[in-house]
C-alpha atoms as a PDB file:
ATOM      1  CA  MET A   1       0.465   4.123   0.953  1.00  0.00           C
ATOM      2  CA  THR A   2       3.943   5.469   1.324  1.00  0.00           C
ATOM      3  CA  GLY A   3       4.549   8.412   3.598  1.00  0.00           C
ATOM      4  CA  TYR A   4       6.927  10.016   6.063  1.00  0.00           C
ATOM      5  CA  GLY A   5       6.367  12.176   9.122  1.00  0.00           C
ATOM      6  CA  LYS A   6       8.744  13.589  11.687  1.00  0.00           C
ATOM      7  CA  SER A   7       8.536  15.896  14.686  1.00  0.00           C
ATOM      8  CA  VAL A   8      11.130  17.032  17.246  1.00  0.00           C
ATOM      9  CA  LEU A   9      10.420  18.062  20.841  1.00  0.00           C
ATOM     10  CA  GLN A  10      13.097  19.945  22.778  1.00  0.00           C
ATOM     11  CA  LEU A  11      12.703  19.608  26.549  1.00  0.00           C
ATOM     12  CA  PRO A  12      14.961  21.145  29.237  1.00  0.00           C
ATOM     13  CA  THR A  13      16.939  17.932  29.772  1.00  0.00           C
ATOM     14  CA  LYS A  14      16.363  15.920  26.597  1.00  0.00           C
ATOM     15  CA  LYS A  15      15.598  16.048  22.907  1.00  0.00           C
ATOM     16  CA  ILE A  16      12.852  13.716  21.674  1.00  0.00           C
ATOM     17  CA  THR A  17      12.486  12.825  17.996  1.00  0.00           C
ATOM     18  CA  ILE A  18       9.334  11.119  16.698  1.00  0.00           C
ATOM     19  CA  GLU A  19       9.568   9.462  13.289  1.00  0.00           C
ATOM     20  CA  LEU A  20       6.949   7.640  11.205  1.00  0.00           C
ATOM     21  CA  LYS A  21       7.493   5.784   7.938  1.00  0.00           C
ATOM     22  CA  SER A  22       4.775   4.043   5.933  1.00  0.00           C
ATOM     23  CA  LEU A  23       5.019   1.619   3.006  1.00  0.00           C
ATOM     24  CA  ASN A  24       2.311  -0.114   0.989  1.00  0.00           C
ATOM     25  CA  SER A  25       0.406  -2.963   2.616  1.00  0.00           C
ATOM     26  CA  LYS A  26      -3.112  -4.409   2.400  1.00  0.00           C
ATOM     27  CA  ASN A  27      -3.468  -4.253   6.185  1.00  0.00           C
ATOM     28  CA  LEU A  28      -1.874  -2.361   9.063  1.00  0.00           C
ATOM     29  CA  ASP A  29       1.501  -3.793  10.061  1.00  0.00           C
ATOM     30  CA  LEU A  30       2.905  -1.571  12.827  1.00  0.00           C
ATOM     31  CA  ASN A  31       6.437  -1.877  14.196  1.00  0.00           C
ATOM     32  CA  ALA A  32       7.055   0.371  17.230  1.00  0.00           C
ATOM     33  CA  ARG A  33      10.478   1.208  18.679  1.00  0.00           C
ATOM     34  CA  MET A  34      10.731   3.343  21.807  1.00  0.00           C
ATOM     35  CA  PRO A  35      12.631   3.581  25.124  1.00  0.00           C
ATOM     36  CA  SER A  36      11.385   1.221  27.843  1.00  0.00           C
ATOM     37  CA  ILE A  37      10.080   4.136  29.908  1.00  0.00           C
ATOM     38  CA  TYR A  38       7.327   4.703  27.300  1.00  0.00           C
ATOM     39  CA  ARG A  39       6.375   1.038  26.795  1.00  0.00           C
ATOM     40  CA  GLU A  40       3.309   1.319  29.010  1.00  0.00           C
ATOM     41  CA  LYS A  41       1.904   3.804  26.483  1.00  0.00           C
ATOM     42  CA  GLU A  42       2.464   1.533  23.486  1.00  0.00           C
ATOM     43  CA  LEU A  43      -1.075   0.111  23.310  1.00  0.00           C
ATOM     44  CA  ASP A  44      -2.638   3.591  23.299  1.00  0.00           C
ATOM     45  CA  LEU A  45      -0.159   4.721  20.636  1.00  0.00           C
ATOM     46  CA  ARG A  46      -0.993   1.740  18.434  1.00  0.00           C
ATOM     47  CA  LYS A  47      -4.697   2.586  18.633  1.00  0.00           C
ATOM     48  CA  LEU A  48      -3.968   6.225  17.782  1.00  0.00           C
ATOM     49  CA  ILE A  49      -1.808   5.305  14.775  1.00  0.00           C
ATOM     50  CA  ALA A  50      -4.232   2.635  13.535  1.00  0.00           C
ATOM     51  CA  LYS A  51      -7.173   5.038  13.693  1.00  0.00           C
ATOM     52  CA  GLN A  52      -5.437   7.667  11.541  1.00  0.00           C
ATOM     53  CA  LEU A  53      -3.362   5.566   9.119  1.00  0.00           C
ATOM     54  CA  VAL A  54      -5.750   2.569   8.656  1.00  0.00           C
ATOM     55  CA  ARG A  55      -3.353   0.613   6.398  1.00  0.00           C
ATOM     56  CA  GLY A  56       0.323   0.304   5.604  1.00  0.00           C
ATOM     57  CA  LYS A  57       3.566  -1.223   6.836  1.00  0.00           C
ATOM     58  CA  VAL A  58       4.361   1.425   9.455  1.00  0.00           C
ATOM     59  CA  ASP A  59       7.596   1.978  11.374  1.00  0.00           C
ATOM     60  CA  PHE A  60       7.103   4.181  14.443  1.00  0.00           C
ATOM     61  CA  SER A  61      10.107   5.320  16.473  1.00  0.00           C
ATOM     62  CA  ILE A  62      10.792   7.531  19.471  1.00  0.00           C
ATOM     63  CA  TYR A  63      14.421   8.576  19.938  1.00  0.00           C
ATOM     64  CA  VAL A  64      15.573  10.268  23.153  1.00  0.00           C
ATOM     65  CA  GLU A  65      18.811  12.224  23.364  1.00  0.00           C
ATOM     66  CA  THR A  66      19.864  13.500  26.800  1.00  0.00           C
ATOM     67  CA  THR A  67      21.043  17.126  26.662  1.00  0.00           C
ATOM     68  CA  ALA A  68      21.592  17.819  30.392  1.00  0.00           C
ATOM     69  CA  ASP A  69      24.260  16.644  32.829  1.00  0.00           C
ATOM     70  CA  ASP A  70      21.851  14.387  34.689  1.00  0.00           C
ATOM     71  CA  THR A  71      21.815  10.764  33.637  1.00  0.00           C
ATOM     72  CA  SER A  72      19.856   7.770  34.791  1.00  0.00           C
ATOM     73  CA  THR A  73      22.918   5.503  34.545  1.00  0.00           C
ATOM     74  CA  GLN A  74      25.558   5.460  37.321  1.00  0.00           C
ATOM     75  CA  ILE A  75      28.728   3.486  37.882  1.00  0.00           C
ATOM     76  CA  ASN A  76      28.458   0.830  40.572  1.00  0.00           C
ATOM     77  CA  ALA A  77      31.836   1.713  42.117  1.00  0.00           C
ATOM     78  CA  PRO A  78      32.175  -1.190  44.639  1.00  0.00           C
ATOM     79  CA  VAL A  79      31.404  -3.773  41.962  1.00  0.00           C
ATOM     80  CA  VAL A  80      33.822  -2.186  39.453  1.00  0.00           C
ATOM     81  CA  LYS A  81      36.627  -2.105  42.077  1.00  0.00           C
ATOM     82  CA  GLN A  82      36.044  -5.763  42.875  1.00  0.00           C
ATOM     83  CA  TYR A  83      36.229  -6.647  39.174  1.00  0.00           C
ATOM     84  CA  MET A  84      39.477  -4.698  38.840  1.00  0.00           C
ATOM     85  CA  GLU A  85      41.023  -6.574  41.816  1.00  0.00           C
ATOM     86  CA  GLN A  86      40.098  -9.883  40.272  1.00  0.00           C
ATOM     87  CA  LEU A  87      41.448  -8.857  36.879  1.00  0.00           C
ATOM     88  CA  LYS A  88      44.711  -7.655  38.420  1.00  0.00           C
ATOM     89  CA  ALA A  89      45.180 -11.106  39.965  1.00  0.00           C
ATOM     90  CA  VAL A  90      45.100 -12.796  36.548  1.00  0.00           C
ATOM     91  CA  TYR A  91      46.422  -9.956  34.395  1.00  0.00           C
ATOM     92  CA  ASN A  92      49.491  -8.465  36.100  1.00  0.00           C
ATOM     93  CA  ASP A  93      50.721  -6.525  33.078  1.00  0.00           C
ATOM     94  CA  GLY A  94      47.551  -4.460  32.703  1.00  0.00           C
ATOM     95  CA  ASN A  95      47.500  -0.805  33.733  1.00  0.00           C
ATOM     96  CA  GLN A  96      44.628   0.728  35.682  1.00  0.00           C
ATOM     97  CA  MET A  97      42.937   2.206  32.602  1.00  0.00           C
ATOM     98  CA  GLU A  98      42.887  -1.096  30.746  1.00  0.00           C
ATOM     99  CA  LEU A  99      41.506  -2.883  33.793  1.00  0.00           C
ATOM    100  CA  LEU A 100      38.807  -0.216  34.171  1.00  0.00           C
ATOM    101  CA  LYS A 101      37.766  -0.553  30.512  1.00  0.00           C
ATOM    102  CA  MET A 102      37.305  -4.274  30.992  1.00  0.00           C
ATOM    103  CA  ALA A 103      35.592  -3.989  34.376  1.00  0.00           C
ATOM    104  CA  VAL A 104      32.817  -1.642  33.236  1.00  0.00           C
ATOM    105  CA  ARG A 105      31.779  -4.167  30.609  1.00  0.00           C
ATOM    106  CA  PHE A 106      30.955  -6.828  33.173  1.00  0.00           C
ATOM    107  CA  PRO A 107      27.453  -7.423  34.581  1.00  0.00           C
ATOM    108  CA  ASP A 108      26.181  -5.017  37.253  1.00  0.00           C
ATOM    109  CA  ALA A 109      29.030  -2.557  36.619  1.00  0.00           C
ATOM    110  CA  LEU A 110      26.444   0.088  35.774  1.00  0.00           C
ATOM    111  CA  ASN A 111      23.235   0.885  37.626  1.00  0.00           C
ATOM    112  CA  THR A 112      20.286   2.290  35.732  1.00  0.00           C
ATOM    113  CA  VAL A 113      17.756   4.203  37.764  1.00  0.00           C
ATOM    114  CA  ARG A 114      14.253   3.481  36.462  1.00  0.00           C
ATOM    115  CA  GLU A 115      12.530   6.678  35.388  1.00  0.00           C
ATOM    116  CA  GLU A 116       8.839   7.361  35.729  1.00  0.00           C
ATOM    117  CA  ILE A 117       6.774   9.021  33.004  1.00  0.00           C
ATOM    118  CA  ASP A 118       6.033  12.640  33.734  1.00  0.00           C
ATOM    119  CA  ASP A 119       2.401  13.335  32.765  1.00  0.00           C
ATOM    120  CA  THR A 120       3.148  16.865  31.598  1.00  0.00           C
ATOM    121  CA  GLU A 121       6.068  15.656  29.525  1.00  0.00           C
ATOM    122  CA  TRP A 122       3.981  12.855  28.003  1.00  0.00           C
ATOM    123  CA  THR A 123       1.255  15.306  27.008  1.00  0.00           C
ATOM    124  CA  GLN A 124       3.852  17.226  25.011  1.00  0.00           C
ATOM    125  CA  ILE A 125       5.220  14.045  23.447  1.00  0.00           C
ATOM    126  CA  GLU A 126       1.727  12.883  22.469  1.00  0.00           C
ATOM    127  CA  ALA A 127       1.057  16.225  20.789  1.00  0.00           C
ATOM    128  CA  GLU A 128       4.252  15.846  18.743  1.00  0.00           C
ATOM    129  CA  ILE A 129       3.260  12.295  17.770  1.00  0.00           C
ATOM    130  CA  LYS A 130      -0.021  13.667  16.410  1.00  0.00           C
ATOM    131  CA  THR A 131       1.949  16.328  14.526  1.00  0.00           C
ATOM    132  CA  ALA A 132       4.145  13.641  12.926  1.00  0.00           C
ATOM    133  CA  LEU A 133       1.012  11.648  12.029  1.00  0.00           C
ATOM    134  CA  ASN A 134      -0.463  14.726  10.362  1.00  0.00           C
ATOM    135  CA  HIS A 135       2.748  15.227   8.366  1.00  0.00           C
ATOM    136  CA  LEU A 136       2.580  11.613   7.173  1.00  0.00           C
ATOM    137  CA  SER A 137      -1.120  11.984   6.296  1.00  0.00           C
ATOM    138  CA  ASP A 138      -0.352  15.133   4.275  1.00  0.00           C
ATOM    139  CA  TYR A 139       2.379  13.199   2.447  1.00  0.00           C
ATOM    140  CA  ARG A 140      -0.129  10.456   1.649  1.00  0.00           C
ATOM    141  CA  LEU A 141      -2.743  12.974   0.544  1.00  0.00           C
ATOM    142  CA  ASN A 142      -0.368  14.558  -1.965  1.00  0.00           C
ATOM    143  CA  GLU A 143       0.511  11.129  -3.331  1.00  0.00           C
ATOM    144  CA  GLY A 144      -3.188  10.272  -3.477  1.00  0.00           C
ATOM    145  CA  LYS A 145      -3.951  13.304  -5.651  1.00  0.00           C
ATOM    146  CA  VAL A 146      -1.367  12.121  -8.177  1.00  0.00           C
ATOM    147  CA  LEU A 147      -2.849   8.597  -8.113  1.00  0.00           C
ATOM    148  CA  GLU A 148      -6.379   9.962  -8.531  1.00  0.00           C
ATOM    149  CA  GLN A 149      -5.461  11.743 -11.745  1.00  0.00           C
ATOM    150  CA  ASP A 150      -3.628   8.669 -13.025  1.00  0.00           C
ATOM    151  CA  PHE A 151      -6.694   6.496 -12.334  1.00  0.00           C
ATOM    152  CA  LYS A 152      -9.015   8.920 -14.106  1.00  0.00           C
ATOM    153  CA  ASP A 153      -6.725   9.099 -17.125  1.00  0.00           C
ATOM    154  CA  ARG A 154      -6.516   5.317 -17.448  1.00  0.00           C
ATOM    155  CA  ILE A 155     -10.247   4.799 -16.922  1.00  0.00           C
ATOM    156  CA  LYS A 156     -10.839   7.341 -19.683  1.00  0.00           C
ATOM    157  CA  ASN A 157      -8.414   5.425 -21.915  1.00  0.00           C
ATOM    158  CA  ILE A 158     -10.393   2.227 -21.325  1.00  0.00           C
ATOM    159  CA  ALA A 159     -13.646   4.092 -22.023  1.00  0.00           C
ATOM    160  CA  ASP A 160     -12.223   5.452 -25.298  1.00  0.00           C
ATOM    161  CA  LEU A 161     -11.135   1.956 -26.315  1.00  0.00           C
ATOM    162  CA  LEU A 162     -14.616   0.673 -25.460  1.00  0.00           C
ATOM    163  CA  GLU A 163     -16.090   3.273 -27.786  1.00  0.00           C
ATOM    164  CA  GLN A 164     -13.879   1.925 -30.564  1.00  0.00           C
ATOM    165  CA  VAL A 165     -15.104  -1.584 -29.765  1.00  0.00           C
ATOM    166  CA  ILE A 166     -18.734  -0.408 -29.999  1.00  0.00           C
ATOM    167  CA  VAL A 167     -18.105   1.237 -33.373  1.00  0.00           C
ATOM    168  CA  MET A 168     -16.278  -1.832 -34.626  1.00  0.00           C
ATOM    169  CA  ASP A 169     -18.855  -4.382 -33.413  1.00  0.00           C
ATOM    170  CA  PRO A 170     -21.261  -4.266 -36.427  1.00  0.00           C
ATOM    171  CA  GLU A 171     -18.302  -4.713 -38.767  1.00  0.00           C
ATOM    172  CA  ARG A 172     -17.160  -7.687 -36.682  1.00  0.00           C
ATOM    173  CA  ILE A 173     -20.588  -9.373 -36.843  1.00  0.00           C
ATOM    174  CA  ASP A 174     -20.778  -8.836 -40.603  1.00  0.00           C
ATOM    175  CA  GLY A 175     -17.315 -10.379 -40.894  1.00  0.00           C
ATOM    176  CA  VAL A 176     -18.331 -13.427 -38.856  1.00  0.00           C
ATOM    177  CA  ARG A 177     -21.483 -13.823 -40.952  1.00  0.00           C
ATOM    178  CA  GLU A 178     -19.535 -13.628 -44.204  1.00  0.00           C
ATOM    179  CA  ARG A 179     -16.877 -16.124 -43.072  1.00  0.00           C
ATOM    180  CA  LEU A 180     -19.554 -18.632 -42.125  1.00  0.00           C
ATOM    181  CA  ARG A 181     -21.367 -18.187 -45.416  1.00  0.00           C
ATOM    182  CA  LYS A 182     -18.181 -18.689 -47.413  1.00  0.00           C
ATOM    183  CA  GLY A 183     -17.322 -21.729 -45.347  1.00  0.00           C
ATOM    184  CA  VAL A 184     -20.660 -23.338 -46.110  1.00  0.00           C
ATOM    185  CA  GLU A 185     -20.486 -22.464 -49.808  1.00  0.00           C
ATOM    186  CA  GLU A 186     -17.055 -24.063 -50.071  1.00  0.00           C
ATOM    187  CA  LEU A 187     -18.603 -27.338 -49.002  1.00  0.00           C
ATOM    188  CA  ARG A 188     -20.435 -27.283 -52.353  1.00  0.00           C
ATOM    189  CA  GLU A 189     -23.498 -28.784 -50.721  1.00  0.00           C
ATOM    190  CA  LYS A 190     -27.071 -27.611 -51.094  1.00  0.00           C
ATOM    191  CA  TYR A 191     -28.568 -26.077 -47.970  1.00  0.00           C
ATOM    192  CA  ASP A 192     -31.793 -24.442 -46.924  1.00  0.00           C
ATOM    193  CA  ASP A 193     -31.391 -20.664 -46.690  1.00  0.00           C
ATOM    194  CA  ASN A 194     -33.961 -20.289 -43.926  1.00  0.00           C
ATOM    195  CA  ARG A 195     -32.384 -23.007 -41.829  1.00  0.00           C
ATOM    196  CA  PHE A 196     -28.969 -21.517 -42.474  1.00  0.00           C
ATOM    197  CA  GLU A 197     -30.126 -18.101 -41.259  1.00  0.00           C
ATOM    198  CA  GLN A 198     -31.583 -19.643 -38.101  1.00  0.00           C
ATOM    199  CA  GLU A 199     -28.336 -21.439 -37.338  1.00  0.00           C
ATOM    200  CA  LEU A 200     -26.391 -18.309 -38.193  1.00  0.00           C
ATOM    201  CA  VAL A 201     -28.419 -16.179 -35.771  1.00  0.00           C
ATOM    202  CA  TYR A 202     -27.926 -18.771 -33.018  1.00  0.00           C
ATOM    203  CA  TYR A 203     -24.186 -18.908 -33.696  1.00  0.00           C
ATOM    204  CA  ILE A 204     -23.760 -15.129 -33.810  1.00  0.00           C
ATOM    205  CA  GLU A 205     -25.667 -14.749 -30.528  1.00  0.00           C
ATOM    206  CA  LYS A 206     -22.851 -16.678 -28.868  1.00  0.00           C
ATOM    207  CA  PHE A 207     -20.506 -13.891 -30.008  1.00  0.00           C
ATOM    208  CA  ASP A 208     -22.803 -11.069 -28.948  1.00  0.00           C
ATOM    209  CA  ILE A 209     -21.095  -8.684 -26.503  1.00  0.00           C
ATOM    210  CA  THR A 210     -23.922  -6.200 -25.943  1.00  0.00           C
ATOM    211  CA  GLU A 211     -24.306  -7.062 -22.254  1.00  0.00           C
ATOM    212  CA  GLU A 212     -20.560  -6.940 -21.679  1.00  0.00           C
ATOM    213  CA  LYS A 213     -20.314  -3.498 -23.299  1.00  0.00           C
ATOM    214  CA  VAL A 214     -23.104  -2.140 -21.096  1.00  0.00           C
ATOM    215  CA  ARG A 215     -21.713  -3.665 -17.905  1.00  0.00           C
ATOM    216  CA  LEU A 216     -18.173  -2.489 -18.649  1.00  0.00           C
ATOM    217  CA  ASN A 217     -19.392   1.049 -19.226  1.00  0.00           C
ATOM    218  CA  ASN A 218     -21.325   0.927 -15.928  1.00  0.00           C
ATOM    219  CA  HIS A 219     -18.263  -0.337 -14.052  1.00  0.00           C
ATOM    220  CA  LEU A 220     -16.113   2.466 -15.480  1.00  0.00           C
ATOM    221  CA  ASN A 221     -18.649   5.061 -14.372  1.00  0.00           C
ATOM    222  CA  TYR A 222     -18.896   3.454 -10.926  1.00  0.00           C
ATOM    223  CA  PHE A 223     -15.112   3.533 -10.586  1.00  0.00           C
ATOM    224  CA  ASN A 224     -15.091   7.291 -11.228  1.00  0.00           C
ATOM    225  CA  GLU A 225     -17.949   7.849  -8.779  1.00  0.00           C
ATOM    226  CA  SER A 226     -16.097   5.924  -6.079  1.00  0.00           C
ATOM    227  CA  ILE A 227     -12.895   7.916  -6.643  1.00  0.00           C
ATOM    228  CA  ASN A 228     -14.814  11.140  -6.014  1.00  0.00           C
ATOM    229  CA  SER A 229     -16.280   9.806  -2.759  1.00  0.00           C
ATOM    230  CA  PRO A 230     -14.797  11.366   0.423  1.00  0.00           C
ATOM    231  CA  ASP A 231     -14.561   7.914   2.050  1.00  0.00           C
ATOM    232  CA  SER A 232     -11.566   5.575   1.962  1.00  0.00           C
ATOM    233  CA  ASN A 233     -12.326   3.353  -1.037  1.00  0.00           C
ATOM    234  CA  GLY A 234      -9.086   1.587  -1.954  1.00  0.00           C
ATOM    235  CA  LYS A 235     -10.460  -1.937  -1.455  1.00  0.00           C
ATOM    236  CA  LYS A 236     -13.753  -1.026  -3.116  1.00  0.00           C
ATOM    237  CA  LEU A 237     -11.885   0.261  -6.163  1.00  0.00           C
ATOM    238  CA  GLY A 238     -10.006  -3.034  -6.213  1.00  0.00           C
ATOM    239  CA  PHE A 239     -13.289  -4.963  -6.389  1.00  0.00           C
ATOM    240  CA  ILE A 240     -14.564  -2.725  -9.197  1.00  0.00           C
ATOM    241  CA  ALA A 241     -11.288  -3.232 -11.079  1.00  0.00           C
ATOM    242  CA  GLN A 242     -11.829  -7.012 -10.852  1.00  0.00           C
ATOM    243  CA  GLU A 243     -15.283  -6.612 -12.405  1.00  0.00           C
ATOM    244  CA  ILE A 244     -13.849  -4.393 -15.147  1.00  0.00           C
ATOM    245  CA  GLY A 245     -11.281  -7.089 -15.891  1.00  0.00           C
ATOM    246  CA  ARG A 246     -13.969  -9.776 -16.034  1.00  0.00           C
ATOM    247  CA  GLU A 247     -15.953  -7.865 -18.689  1.00  0.00           C
ATOM    248  CA  ILE A 248     -12.835  -7.063 -20.715  1.00  0.00           C
ATOM    249  CA  ASN A 249     -11.815 -10.739 -20.693  1.00  0.00           C
ATOM    250  CA  THR A 250     -15.280 -11.826 -21.825  1.00  0.00           C
ATOM    251  CA  ILE A 251     -15.245  -9.333 -24.694  1.00  0.00           C
ATOM    252  CA  GLY A 252     -11.854 -10.668 -25.717  1.00  0.00           C
ATOM    253  CA  SER A 253     -12.960 -14.306 -25.637  1.00  0.00           C
ATOM    254  CA  LYS A 254     -16.138 -13.576 -27.622  1.00  0.00           C
ATOM    255  CA  SER A 255     -14.712 -11.142 -30.143  1.00  0.00           C
ATOM    256  CA  ASN A 256     -13.240 -13.669 -32.591  1.00  0.00           C
ATOM    257  CA  TYR A 257     -11.952 -10.656 -34.510  1.00  0.00           C
ATOM    258  CA  ALA A 258      -8.304  -9.623 -34.558  1.00  0.00           C
ATOM    259  CA  PRO A 259      -8.738  -5.799 -34.628  1.00  0.00           C
ATOM    260  CA  MET A 260     -11.101  -5.972 -31.649  1.00  0.00           C
ATOM    261  CA  GLN A 261      -8.767  -8.283 -29.758  1.00  0.00           C
ATOM    262  CA  GLN A 262      -6.010  -5.709 -30.201  1.00  0.00           C
ATOM    263  CA  LEU A 263      -8.246  -3.144 -28.488  1.00  0.00           C
ATOM    264  CA  VAL A 264      -8.920  -5.636 -25.699  1.00  0.00           C
ATOM    265  CA  VAL A 265      -5.175  -6.087 -25.159  1.00  0.00           C
ATOM    266  CA  GLN A 266      -4.793  -2.315 -24.800  1.00  0.00           C
ATOM    267  CA  MET A 267      -7.658  -2.215 -22.282  1.00  0.00           C
ATOM    268  CA  LYS A 268      -6.014  -5.012 -20.275  1.00  0.00           C
ATOM    269  CA  ASP A 269      -2.738  -3.110 -20.255  1.00  0.00           C
ATOM    270  CA  GLU A 270      -4.422   0.000 -18.850  1.00  0.00           C
ATOM    271  CA  LEU A 271      -6.276  -2.064 -16.247  1.00  0.00           C
ATOM    272  CA  GLU A 272      -3.100  -3.818 -15.055  1.00  0.00           C
ATOM    273  CA  LYS A 273      -1.487  -0.434 -14.423  1.00  0.00           C
ATOM    274  CA  ILE A 274      -4.563   0.600 -12.426  1.00  0.00           C
ATOM    275  CA  LYS A 275      -4.377  -2.577 -10.334  1.00  0.00           C
ATOM    276  CA  GLU A 276      -0.702  -2.002  -9.567  1.00  0.00           C
ATOM    277  CA  GLN A 277      -1.398   1.522  -8.331  1.00  0.00           C
ATOM    278  CA  LEU A 278      -4.461   0.428  -6.327  1.00  0.00           C
ATOM    279  CA  LEU A 279      -2.059  -1.210  -3.861  1.00  0.00           C
ATOM    280  CA  ASN A 280      -1.057   2.354  -2.956  1.00  0.00           C
ATOM    281  CA  ALA A 281      -4.621   3.576  -2.387  1.00  0.00           C
ATOM    282  CA  LEU A 282      -6.374   3.500   0.982  1.00  0.00           C
END
């Protein structure tokens, strides 16, 4: 599911921004970006994020902005001077400032002092990460409420269409029976009425959709029950949607009746919209 969470921690010497973005994905795909000083904590952070978010293409970032005069990077003066002497030997027209600009770009011109993680500082950072995760979860929850209502509306639409199919079914069977009778009469051949009725019953049984109607209704009810469950049921709803589609397709293939097939098309349309949105559900 899509979501966004952000939290900012202001420390005496630095400002730390934690940012989380989540897009739709069947599994958890986590991309973490953070300063090297925090890399040793990456595995623990991945476990923390995976436990709370479960699924999604997640971008996790920690940005550090130094706000004090202290810095972990220092100029390696002897090395820079040596570079400038060498540059002056091959570039006589250059002034000191130009030579300095070039020299500081060369390897080893700057020394970076490796920092160690302060446990107290990390405890504060971890708390802000949890805050950002909670913000993202709240974002997802609000989106989920909108999806829940959309699912319920579309399931109800399919149920209403199924009711129309049930009402229409006797008319459909009578129509099939009459078409077969007319077809036989047009042959202008004598036939045994009893045998004809036996064959007709056998033929009509192939078009019977009683089981499909019952199963489809059960699947629709099960879908609604699963939505109301407090557990994460996105994949389960996907499986139920597949079963709903199977029953709808069978009704369509057996109907052999244009008005009923139009209802089936409408049910398929509603189901496809449900399947699209299920990619956003946990």
